[in-house]
Amino acid sequence: EVFAVTNSNAKCLRMISIARSAQHHNLAGDLHRI
């Protein structure tokens, strides 16, 4: 299943976009509000 994803340019672009967003979206300063 993962291999099929990595062989699709469109899917790879979305995967990379989401992964980068997750790495940049740090919540350390917000967790005290939960």
All heavy atoms as atom14 arrays in JSON, in Angstrom:
{
  "sequence": "EVFAVTNSNAKCLRMISIARSAQHHNLAGDLHRI",
  "atom14_mask": [
    [1, 1, 1, 1, 1, 1, 1, 1, 1, 0, 0, 0, 0, 0],
    [1, 1, 1, 1, 1, 1, 1, 0, 0, 0, 0, 0, 0, 0],
    [1, 1, 1, 1, 1, 1, 1, 1, 1, 1, 1, 0, 0, 0],
    [1, 1, 1, 1, 1, 0, 0, 0, 0, 0, 0, 0, 0, 0],
    [1, 1, 1, 1, 1, 1, 1, 0, 0, 0, 0, 0, 0, 0],
    [1, 1, 1, 1, 1, 1, 1, 0, 0, 0, 0, 0, 0, 0],
    [1, 1, 1, 1, 1, 1, 1, 1, 0, 0, 0, 0, 0, 0],
    [1, 1, 1, 1, 1, 1, 0, 0, 0, 0, 0, 0, 0, 0],
    [1, 1, 1, 1, 1, 1, 1, 1, 0, 0, 0, 0, 0, 0],
    [1, 1, 1, 1, 1, 0, 0, 0, 0, 0, 0, 0, 0, 0],
    [1, 1, 1, 1, 1, 1, 1, 1, 1, 0, 0, 0, 0, 0],
    [1, 1, 1, 1, 1, 1, 0, 0, 0, 0, 0, 0, 0, 0],
    [1, 1, 1, 1, 1, 1, 1, 1, 0, 0, 0, 0, 0, 0],
    [1, 1, 1, 1, 1, 1, 1, 1, 1, 1, 1, 0, 0, 0],
    [1, 1, 1, 1, 1, 1, 1, 1, 0, 0, 0, 0, 0, 0],
    [1, 1, 1, 1, 1, 1, 1, 1, 0, 0, 0, 0, 0, 0],
    [1, 1, 1, 1, 1, 1, 0, 0, 0, 0, 0, 0, 0, 0],
    [1, 1, 1, 1, 1, 1, 1, 1, 0, 0, 0, 0, 0, 0],
    [1, 1, 1, 1, 1, 0, 0, 0, 0, 0, 0, 0, 0, 0],
    [1, 1, 1, 1, 1, 1, 1, 1, 1, 1, 1, 0, 0, 0],
    [1, 1, 1, 1, 1, 1, 0, 0, 0, 0, 0, 0, 0, 0],
    [1, 1, 1, 1, 1, 0, 0, 0, 0, 0, 0, 0, 0, 0],
    [1, 1, 1, 1, 1, 1, 1, 1, 1, 0, 0, 0, 0, 0],
    [1, 1, 1, 1, 1, 1, 1, 1, 1, 1, 0, 0, 0, 0],
    [1, 1, 1, 1, 1, 1, 1, 1, 1, 1, 0, 0, 0, 0],
    [1, 1, 1, 1, 1, 1, 1, 1, 0, 0, 0, 0, 0, 0],
    [1, 1, 1, 1, 1, 1, 1, 1, 0, 0, 0, 0, 0, 0],
    [1, 1, 1, 1, 1, 0, 0, 0, 0, 0, 0, 0, 0, 0],
    [1, 1, 1, 1, 0, 0, 0, 0, 0, 0, 0, 0, 0, 0],
    [1, 1, 1, 1, 1, 1, 1, 1, 0, 0, 0, 0, 0, 0],
    [1, 1, 1, 1, 1, 1, 1, 1, 0, 0, 0, 0, 0, 0],
    [1, 1, 1, 1, 1, 1, 1, 1, 1, 1, 0, 0, 0, 0],
    [1, 1, 1, 1, 1, 1, 1, 1, 1, 1, 1, 0, 0, 0],
    [1, 1, 1, 1, 1, 1, 1, 1, 0, 0, 0, 0, 0, 0]
  ],
  "atom14_positions": [
    [[0.83, -1.2, 0.0], [0.0, 0.0, 0.0], [0.87, 1.26, 0.0], [0.63, 2.21, -0.76], [-0.92, -0.01, 1.22], [-1.9, 1.14, 1.28], [-2.84, 1.03, 2.47], [-3.14, -0.11, 2.88], [-3.26, 2.08, 2.98], [0.0, 0.0, 0.0], [0.0, 0.0, 0.0], [0.0, 0.0, 0.0], [0.0, 0.0, 0.0], [0.0, 0.0, 0.0]],
    [[1.9, 1.28, 0.85], [2.78, 2.44, 0.91], [3.59, 2.55, -0.38], [3.8, 3.65, -0.91], [3.72, 2.35, 2.14], [4.72, 3.51, 2.13], [2.91, 2.36, 3.43], [0.0, 0.0, 0.0], [0.0, 0.0, 0.0], [0.0, 0.0, 0.0], [0.0, 0.0, 0.0], [0.0, 0.0, 0.0], [0.0, 0.0, 0.0], [0.0, 0.0, 0.0]],
    [[4.02, 1.42, -0.92], [4.78, 1.41, -2.17], [3.97, 2.03, -3.31], [4.49, 2.79, -4.12], [5.2, -0.01, -2.52], [6.06, -0.11, -3.75], [7.36, 0.35, -3.75], [5.56, -0.69, -4.92], [8.16, 0.26, -4.88], [6.34, -0.79, -6.05], [7.65, -0.31, -6.04], [0.0, 0.0, 0.0], [0.0, 0.0, 0.0], [0.0, 0.0, 0.0]],
    [[2.68, 1.7, -3.35], [1.8, 2.26, -4.38], [1.7, 3.77, -4.25], [1.69, 4.5, -5.24], [0.42, 1.62, -4.3], [0.0, 0.0, 0.0], [0.0, 0.0, 0.0], [0.0, 0.0, 0.0], [0.0, 0.0, 0.0], [0.0, 0.0, 0.0], [0.0, 0.0, 0.0], [0.0, 0.0, 0.0], [0.0, 0.0, 0.0], [0.0, 0.0, 0.0]],
    [[1.65, 4.25, -3.01], [1.58, 5.69, -2.77], [2.85, 6.38, -3.27], [2.8, 7.42, -3.94], [1.38, 5.99, -1.26], [1.57, 7.47, -0.98], [0.01, 5.53, -0.81], [0.0, 0.0, 0.0], [0.0, 0.0, 0.0], [0.0, 0.0, 0.0], [0.0, 0.0, 0.0], [0.0, 0.0, 0.0], [0.0, 0.0, 0.0], [0.0, 0.0, 0.0]],
    [[4.01, 5.77, -2.98], [5.27, 6.41, -3.35], [5.5, 6.42, -4.85], [6.35, 7.15, -5.34], [6.47, 5.7, -2.67], [6.57, 4.36, -3.19], [6.3, 5.67, -1.16], [0.0, 0.0, 0.0], [0.0, 0.0, 0.0], [0.0, 0.0, 0.0], [0.0, 0.0, 0.0], [0.0, 0.0, 0.0], [0.0, 0.0, 0.0], [0.0, 0.0, 0.0]],
    [[4.71, 5.64, -5.59], [4.86, 5.61, -7.04], [3.82, 6.49, -7.75], [3.67, 6.42, -8.96], [4.78, 4.17, -7.56], [6.11, 3.46, -7.42], [7.01, 3.62, -8.22], [6.25, 2.69, -6.34], [0.0, 0.0, 0.0], [0.0, 0.0, 0.0], [0.0, 0.0, 0.0], [0.0, 0.0, 0.0], [0.0, 0.0, 0.0], [0.0, 0.0, 0.0]],
    [[3.12, 7.28, -6.97], [2.18, 8.25, -7.53], [2.69, 9.65, -7.2], [2.78, 10.02, -6.03], [0.79, 8.06, -6.93], [-0.02, 9.19, -7.16], [0.0, 0.0, 0.0], [0.0, 0.0, 0.0], [0.0, 0.0, 0.0], [0.0, 0.0, 0.0], [0.0, 0.0, 0.0], [0.0, 0.0, 0.0], [0.0, 0.0, 0.0], [0.0, 0.0, 0.0]],
    [[3.03, 10.42, -8.23], [3.53, 11.79, -8.0], [2.53, 12.63, -7.22], [2.9, 13.36, -6.3], [3.85, 12.47, -9.34], [5.18, 12.01, -9.91], [6.05, 11.53, -9.18], [5.32, 12.12, -11.22], [0.0, 0.0, 0.0], [0.0, 0.0, 0.0], [0.0, 0.0, 0.0], [0.0, 0.0, 0.0], [0.0, 0.0, 0.0], [0.0, 0.0, 0.0]],
    [[1.25, 12.54, -7.59], [0.23, 13.35, -6.95], [0.11, 13.01, -5.46], [0.02, 13.9, -4.6], [-1.11, 13.14, -7.65], [0.0, 0.0, 0.0], [0.0, 0.0, 0.0], [0.0, 0.0, 0.0], [0.0, 0.0, 0.0], [0.0, 0.0, 0.0], [0.0, 0.0, 0.0], [0.0, 0.0, 0.0], [0.0, 0.0, 0.0], [0.0, 0.0, 0.0]],
    [[0.12, 11.7, -5.15], [0.01, 11.29, -3.75], [1.25, 11.68, -2.96], [1.17, 12.12, -1.81], [-0.24, 9.78, -3.66], [-1.62, 9.37, -4.16], [-1.84, 7.87, -4.04], [-3.24, 7.49, -4.5], [-3.5, 6.03, -4.4], [0.0, 0.0, 0.0], [0.0, 0.0, 0.0], [0.0, 0.0, 0.0], [0.0, 0.0, 0.0], [0.0, 0.0, 0.0]],
    [[2.41, 11.53, -3.57], [3.66, 11.89, -2.9], [3.69, 13.38, -2.56], [4.13, 13.77, -1.47], [4.85, 11.54, -3.78], [5.5, 9.89, -3.45], [0.0, 0.0, 0.0], [0.0, 0.0, 0.0], [0.0, 0.0, 0.0], [0.0, 0.0, 0.0], [0.0, 0.0, 0.0], [0.0, 0.0, 0.0], [0.0, 0.0, 0.0], [0.0, 0.0, 0.0]],
    [[3.24, 14.21, -3.48], [3.23, 15.65, -3.22], [2.37, 15.99, -2.03], [2.74, 16.82, -1.18], [2.73, 16.4, -4.46], [3.72, 16.55, -5.62], [3.03, 17.14, -6.84], [4.91, 17.42, -5.2], [0.0, 0.0, 0.0], [0.0, 0.0, 0.0], [0.0, 0.0, 0.0], [0.0, 0.0, 0.0], [0.0, 0.0, 0.0], [0.0, 0.0, 0.0]],
    [[1.22, 15.35, -1.91], [0.33, 15.62, -0.77], [0.94, 15.09, 0.52], [0.87, 15.76, 1.56], [-1.04, 15.0, -1.05], [-1.85, 15.83, -2.04], [-2.91, 15.02, -2.78], [-3.64, 15.89, -3.7], [-3.18, 16.28, -4.89], [-1.98, 15.87, -5.3], [-3.91, 17.07, -5.66], [0.0, 0.0, 0.0], [0.0, 0.0, 0.0], [0.0, 0.0, 0.0]],
    [[1.52, 13.92, 0.46], [2.16, 13.32, 1.64], [3.27, 14.23, 2.16], [3.37, 14.49, 3.37], [2.71, 11.95, 1.27], [3.46, 11.24, 2.38], [4.09, 9.66, 1.82], [5.36, 10.17, 0.66], [0.0, 0.0, 0.0], [0.0, 0.0, 0.0], [0.0, 0.0, 0.0], [0.0, 0.0, 0.0], [0.0, 0.0, 0.0], [0.0, 0.0, 0.0]],
    [[4.1, 14.72, 1.26], [5.21, 15.59, 1.66], [4.69, 16.91, 2.21], [5.19, 17.43, 3.21], [6.15, 15.82, 0.46], [6.88, 14.51, 0.12], [7.18, 16.91, 0.76], [7.62, 14.54, -1.2], [0.0, 0.0, 0.0], [0.0, 0.0, 0.0], [0.0, 0.0, 0.0], [0.0, 0.0, 0.0], [0.0, 0.0, 0.0], [0.0, 0.0, 0.0]],
    [[3.64, 17.46, 1.58], [3.06, 18.72, 2.05], [2.52, 18.59, 3.47], [2.75, 19.45, 4.33], [1.94, 19.15, 1.09], [1.29, 20.31, 1.57], [0.0, 0.0, 0.0], [0.0, 0.0, 0.0], [0.0, 0.0, 0.0], [0.0, 0.0, 0.0], [0.0, 0.0, 0.0], [0.0, 0.0, 0.0], [0.0, 0.0, 0.0], [0.0, 0.0, 0.0]],
    [[1.8, 17.49, 3.71], [1.23, 17.27, 5.05], [2.33, 17.03, 6.08], [2.28, 17.57, 7.19], [0.24, 16.1, 5.01], [-1.0, 16.46, 4.18], [-0.19, 15.7, 6.43], [-1.89, 15.29, 3.85], [0.0, 0.0, 0.0], [0.0, 0.0, 0.0], [0.0, 0.0, 0.0], [0.0, 0.0, 0.0], [0.0, 0.0, 0.0], [0.0, 0.0, 0.0]],
    [[3.34, 16.22, 5.72], [4.43, 15.92, 6.65], [5.18, 17.2, 7.03], [5.52, 17.41, 8.2], [5.38, 14.91, 6.04], [0.0, 0.0, 0.0], [0.0, 0.0, 0.0], [0.0, 0.0, 0.0], [0.0, 0.0, 0.0], [0.0, 0.0, 0.0], [0.0, 0.0, 0.0], [0.0, 0.0, 0.0], [0.0, 0.0, 0.0], [0.0, 0.0, 0.0]],
    [[5.45, 18.05, 6.05], [6.14, 19.31, 6.34], [5.28, 20.23, 7.2], [5.78, 20.9, 8.11], [6.52, 19.99, 5.04], [7.69, 19.32, 4.32], [7.99, 19.96, 2.99], [9.18, 19.36, 2.37], [9.54, 19.54, 1.12], [8.81, 20.31, 0.32], [10.63, 18.94, 0.64], [0.0, 0.0, 0.0], [0.0, 0.0, 0.0], [0.0, 0.0, 0.0]],
    [[3.99, 20.26, 6.92], [3.09, 21.07, 7.74], [3.09, 20.59, 9.19], [3.12, 21.4, 10.12], [1.66, 20.99, 7.17], [0.73, 21.64, 8.01], [0.0, 0.0, 0.0], [0.0, 0.0, 0.0], [0.0, 0.0, 0.0], [0.0, 0.0, 0.0], [0.0, 0.0, 0.0], [0.0, 0.0, 0.0], [0.0, 0.0, 0.0], [0.0, 0.0, 0.0]],
    [[3.09, 19.27, 9.38], [3.11, 18.72, 10.74], [4.39, 19.1, 11.47], [4.38, 19.45, 12.66], [2.96, 17.2, 10.7], [0.0, 0.0, 0.0], [0.0, 0.0, 0.0], [0.0, 0.0, 0.0], [0.0, 0.0, 0.0], [0.0, 0.0, 0.0], [0.0, 0.0, 0.0], [0.0, 0.0, 0.0], [0.0, 0.0, 0.0], [0.0, 0.0, 0.0]],
    [[5.53, 19.04, 10.76], [6.81, 19.37, 11.38], [6.9, 20.85, 11.75], [7.52, 21.22, 12.75], [7.94, 18.97, 10.44], [8.12, 17.46, 10.34], [9.06, 17.03, 9.23], [9.44, 17.83, 8.38], [9.44, 15.77, 9.22], [0.0, 0.0, 0.0], [0.0, 0.0, 0.0], [0.0, 0.0, 0.0], [0.0, 0.0, 0.0], [0.0, 0.0, 0.0]],
    [[6.25, 21.7, 10.97], [6.31, 23.16, 11.22], [5.22, 23.63, 12.18], [5.3, 24.73, 12.71], [6.19, 23.92, 9.9], [7.34, 23.71, 8.97], [7.22, 23.68, 7.6], [8.66, 23.47, 9.23], [8.42, 23.46, 7.06], [9.29, 23.32, 8.03], [0.0, 0.0, 0.0], [0.0, 0.0, 0.0], [0.0, 0.0, 0.0], [0.0, 0.0, 0.0]],
    [[4.19, 22.78, 12.38], [3.04, 23.19, 13.19], [3.25, 22.71, 14.63], [2.59, 21.8, 15.11], [1.77, 22.58, 12.6], [0.52, 23.32, 12.91], [0.04, 24.36, 12.15], [-0.36, 23.19, 13.93], [-1.08, 24.83, 12.66], [-1.35, 24.14, 13.75], [0.0, 0.0, 0.0], [0.0, 0.0, 0.0], [0.0, 0.0, 0.0], [0.0, 0.0, 0.0]],
    [[4.19, 23.35, 15.32], [4.54, 22.93, 16.68], [3.55, 23.51, 17.69], [3.23, 24.69, 17.66], [5.96, 23.39, 17.02], [6.48, 22.76, 18.3], [6.09, 23.16, 19.38], [7.36, 21.78, 18.17], [0.0, 0.0, 0.0], [0.0, 0.0, 0.0], [0.0, 0.0, 0.0], [0.0, 0.0, 0.0], [0.0, 0.0, 0.0], [0.0, 0.0, 0.0]],
    [[3.09, 22.68, 18.62], [2.02, 23.06, 19.53], [2.5, 23.31, 20.96], [1.67, 23.47, 21.86], [0.94, 21.96, 19.55], [0.26, 21.68, 18.21], [-0.7, 20.51, 18.35], [-0.49, 22.91, 17.71], [0.0, 0.0, 0.0], [0.0, 0.0, 0.0], [0.0, 0.0, 0.0], [0.0, 0.0, 0.0], [0.0, 0.0, 0.0], [0.0, 0.0, 0.0]],
    [[3.8, 23.36, 21.17], [4.32, 23.47, 22.54], [3.73, 24.66, 23.29], [3.46, 24.58, 24.5], [5.84, 23.57, 22.5], [0.0, 0.0, 0.0], [0.0, 0.0, 0.0], [0.0, 0.0, 0.0], [0.0, 0.0, 0.0], [0.0, 0.0, 0.0], [0.0, 0.0, 0.0], [0.0, 0.0, 0.0], [0.0, 0.0, 0.0], [0.0, 0.0, 0.0]],
    [[3.53, 25.77, 22.61], [3.03, 26.97, 23.27], [1.53, 26.99, 23.48], [1.01, 27.92, 24.12], [0.0, 0.0, 0.0], [0.0, 0.0, 0.0], [0.0, 0.0, 0.0], [0.0, 0.0, 0.0], [0.0, 0.0, 0.0], [0.0, 0.0, 0.0], [0.0, 0.0, 0.0], [0.0, 0.0, 0.0], [0.0, 0.0, 0.0], [0.0, 0.0, 0.0]],
    [[0.82, 25.98, 22.95], [-0.65, 25.98, 23.02], [-1.23, 24.89, 23.91], [-2.4, 24.96, 24.28], [-1.22, 25.79, 21.6], [-0.81, 26.91, 20.65], [-1.01, 28.08, 21.0], [-0.27, 26.59, 19.57], [0.0, 0.0, 0.0], [0.0, 0.0, 0.0], [0.0, 0.0, 0.0], [0.0, 0.0, 0.0], [0.0, 0.0, 0.0], [0.0, 0.0, 0.0]],
    [[-0.45, 23.88, 24.24], [-1.01, 22.7, 24.91], [-1.58, 23.02, 26.29], [-2.48, 22.32, 26.76], [0.05, 21.6, 25.02], [0.53, 21.01, 23.69], [1.53, 19.89, 23.93], [-0.64, 20.5, 22.84], [0.0, 0.0, 0.0], [0.0, 0.0, 0.0], [0.0, 0.0, 0.0], [0.0, 0.0, 0.0], [0.0, 0.0, 0.0], [0.0, 0.0, 0.0]],
    [[-1.09, 24.07, 26.93], [-1.6, 24.42, 28.27], [-3.08, 24.8, 28.23], [-3.76, 24.79, 29.26], [-0.79, 25.59, 28.85], [-1.01, 26.9, 28.14], [-0.35, 27.22, 26.97], [-1.83, 27.95, 28.42], [-0.74, 28.42, 26.56], [-1.63, 28.87, 27.41], [0.0, 0.0, 0.0], [0.0, 0.0, 0.0], [0.0, 0.0, 0.0], [0.0, 0.0, 0.0]],
    [[-3.6, 25.1, 27.03], [-5.01, 25.5, 26.9], [-5.96, 24.3, 26.82], [-7.17, 24.48, 26.85], [-5.2, 26.39, 25.67], [-4.43, 27.7, 25.75], [-4.89, 28.7, 24.69], [-4.42, 28.39, 23.36], [-5.19, 28.06, 22.33], [-6.5, 27.96, 22.48], [-4.66, 27.82, 21.14], [0.0, 0.0, 0.0], [0.0, 0.0, 0.0], [0.0, 0.0, 0.0]],
    [[-5.41, 23.11, 26.71], [-6.25, 21.91, 26.65], [-6.49, 21.42, 28.08], [-5.59, 20.9, 28.73], [-5.6, 20.83, 25.78], [-5.5, 21.31, 24.33], [-6.38, 19.52, 25.87], [-4.85, 20.33, 23.38], [0.0, 0.0, 0.0], [0.0, 0.0, 0.0], [0.0, 0.0, 0.0], [0.0, 0.0, 0.0], [0.0, 0.0, 0.0], [0.0, 0.0, 0.0]]
  ]
}
